[in-house]
């Protein structure tokens, strides 16, 4: 996705498909600092006020599930 497009439309998410035993994709909106985590079950959860550096560490993590459980699940407010 073009970063300029995201800046012009704050509702757009950068979405990354991941190879994980529990997660399907990770989405992030820079403008709103909103993280979306989609599970293989089809459930999608949104987390507020997630800094962009946390998102970048998440998509670079060796284990997405471990990073989610350790650094996101109980640390950010879920919508």
C-alpha atoms as a PDB file:
ATOM      1  CA  UNK A   1       0.000   0.000   0.000  1.00  0.00           C
ATOM      2  CA  UNK A   2       1.183   3.477  -0.792  1.00  0.00           C
ATOM      3  CA  UNK A   3       1.862   5.434   2.435  1.00  0.00           C
ATOM      4  CA  UNK A   4       0.571   8.614   0.746  1.00  0.00           C
ATOM      5  CA  UNK A   5      -2.791   6.926   0.171  1.00  0.00           C
ATOM      6  CA  UNK A   6      -3.023   6.107   3.869  1.00  0.00           C
ATOM      7  CA  UNK A   7      -2.282   9.719   4.823  1.00  0.00           C
ATOM      8  CA  UNK A   8      -5.054  11.009   2.527  1.00  0.00           C
ATOM      9  CA  UNK A   9      -7.559   8.461   3.860  1.00  0.00           C
ATOM     10  CA  UNK A  10      -7.098   7.817   7.594  1.00  0.00           C
ATOM     11  CA  UNK A  11      -9.536   4.868   7.421  1.00  0.00           C
ATOM     12  CA  UNK A  12      -7.109   2.773   5.359  1.00  0.00           C
ATOM     13  CA  UNK A  13      -5.205  -0.033   7.049  1.00  0.00           C
ATOM     14  CA  UNK A  14      -1.868  -1.503   6.089  1.00  0.00           C
ATOM     15  CA  UNK A  15      -2.700  -5.219   6.150  1.00  0.00           C
ATOM     16  CA  UNK A  16      -0.034  -7.924   6.240  1.00  0.00           C
ATOM     17  CA  UNK A  17      -0.774 -11.629   5.819  1.00  0.00           C
ATOM     18  CA  UNK A  18       1.272 -13.707   8.228  1.00  0.00           C
ATOM     19  CA  UNK A  19       2.353 -17.325   8.417  1.00  0.00           C
ATOM     20  CA  UNK A  20       1.192 -18.300  11.896  1.00  0.00           C
ATOM     21  CA  UNK A  21      -0.505 -21.160  13.700  1.00  0.00           C
ATOM     22  CA  UNK A  22      -3.159 -18.783  15.083  1.00  0.00           C
ATOM     23  CA  UNK A  23      -3.110 -15.494  13.125  1.00  0.00           C
ATOM     24  CA  UNK A  24      -4.142 -14.782   9.526  1.00  0.00           C
ATOM     25  CA  UNK A  25      -3.226 -11.117   9.189  1.00  0.00           C
ATOM     26  CA  UNK A  26      -2.162  -7.977  11.006  1.00  0.00           C
ATOM     27  CA  UNK A  27      -3.521  -4.562  10.070  1.00  0.00           C
ATOM     28  CA  UNK A  28      -2.427  -1.133  11.224  1.00  0.00           C
ATOM     29  CA  UNK A  29      -3.656   2.414  10.738  1.00  0.00           C
ATOM     30  CA  UNK A  30      -0.875   4.898  11.416  1.00  0.00           C
ATOM     31  CA  UNK A  31      -3.154   7.919  11.715  1.00  0.00           C
ATOM     32  CA  UNK A  32      -5.413   6.305  14.319  1.00  0.00           C
ATOM     33  CA  UNK A  33      -2.752   4.088  15.961  1.00  0.00           C
ATOM     34  CA  UNK A  34      -5.214   1.241  15.604  1.00  0.00           C
ATOM     35  CA  UNK A  35      -4.012  -2.342  15.325  1.00  0.00           C
ATOM     36  CA  UNK A  36      -6.235  -5.085  13.904  1.00  0.00           C
ATOM     37  CA  UNK A  37      -5.405  -8.733  14.460  1.00  0.00           C
ATOM     38  CA  UNK A  38      -7.249 -11.317  12.376  1.00  0.00           C
ATOM     39  CA  UNK A  39      -7.206 -14.898  13.611  1.00  0.00           C
ATOM     40  CA  UNK A  40      -7.471 -18.076  11.560  1.00  0.00           C
ATOM     41  CA  UNK A  41     -10.916 -18.563  13.130  1.00  0.00           C
ATOM     42  CA  UNK A  42     -12.064 -15.435  11.286  1.00  0.00           C
ATOM     43  CA  UNK A  43     -12.341 -13.363  14.468  1.00  0.00           C
ATOM     44  CA  UNK A  44     -10.801  -9.889  14.194  1.00  0.00           C
ATOM     45  CA  UNK A  45      -9.895  -7.728  17.182  1.00  0.00           C
ATOM     46  CA  UNK A  46      -8.873  -4.074  17.208  1.00  0.00           C
ATOM     47  CA  UNK A  47      -6.512  -2.514  19.735  1.00  0.00           C
ATOM     48  CA  UNK A  48      -6.335   1.233  20.447  1.00  0.00           C
ATOM     49  CA  UNK A  49      -3.322   3.505  20.924  1.00  0.00           C
ATOM     50  CA  UNK A  50      -0.734   1.031  19.650  1.00  0.00           C
ATOM     51  CA  UNK A  51       2.475   2.895  18.716  1.00  0.00           C
ATOM     52  CA  UNK A  52       3.849   2.305  15.237  1.00  0.00           C
ATOM     53  CA  UNK A  53       7.085   0.854  16.659  1.00  0.00           C
ATOM     54  CA  UNK A  54       5.061  -1.900  18.368  1.00  0.00           C
ATOM     55  CA  UNK A  55       3.343  -2.683  15.060  1.00  0.00           C
ATOM     56  CA  UNK A  56       6.713  -2.814  13.257  1.00  0.00           C
ATOM     57  CA  UNK A  57       8.147  -5.136  15.907  1.00  0.00           C
ATOM     58  CA  UNK A  58       5.009  -7.290  15.643  1.00  0.00           C
ATOM     59  CA  UNK A  59       5.268  -7.817  11.876  1.00  0.00           C
ATOM     60  CA  UNK A  60       9.005  -8.510  12.233  1.00  0.00           C
ATOM     61  CA  UNK A  61       8.569 -10.958  15.130  1.00  0.00           C
ATOM     62  CA  UNK A  62       9.918 -14.484  14.916  1.00  0.00           C
ATOM     63  CA  UNK A  63       6.665 -15.744  16.452  1.00  0.00           C
ATOM     64  CA  UNK A  64       3.557 -13.640  15.866  1.00  0.00           C
ATOM     65  CA  UNK A  65       1.553 -15.581  18.442  1.00  0.00           C
ATOM     66  CA  UNK A  66       4.199 -15.136  21.148  1.00  0.00           C
ATOM     67  CA  UNK A  67       4.574 -11.431  20.403  1.00  0.00           C
ATOM     68  CA  UNK A  68       0.801 -10.971  20.456  1.00  0.00           C
ATOM     69  CA  UNK A  69       0.439 -12.775  23.774  1.00  0.00           C
ATOM     70  CA  UNK A  70       3.429 -11.057  25.408  1.00  0.00           C
ATOM     71  CA  UNK A  71       3.221  -7.534  24.023  1.00  0.00           C
ATOM     72  CA  UNK A  72      -0.331  -6.776  22.848  1.00  0.00           C
ATOM     73  CA  UNK A  73      -3.095  -8.982  24.222  1.00  0.00           C
ATOM     74  CA  UNK A  74      -3.327  -7.557  27.753  1.00  0.00           C
ATOM     75  CA  UNK A  75      -1.404  -4.310  27.256  1.00  0.00           C
ATOM     76  CA  UNK A  76      -3.710  -2.406  24.906  1.00  0.00           C
ATOM     77  CA  UNK A  77      -7.441  -1.755  25.092  1.00  0.00           C
ATOM     78  CA  UNK A  78      -9.413  -4.059  22.813  1.00  0.00           C
ATOM     79  CA  UNK A  79     -12.431  -2.721  20.911  1.00  0.00           C
END
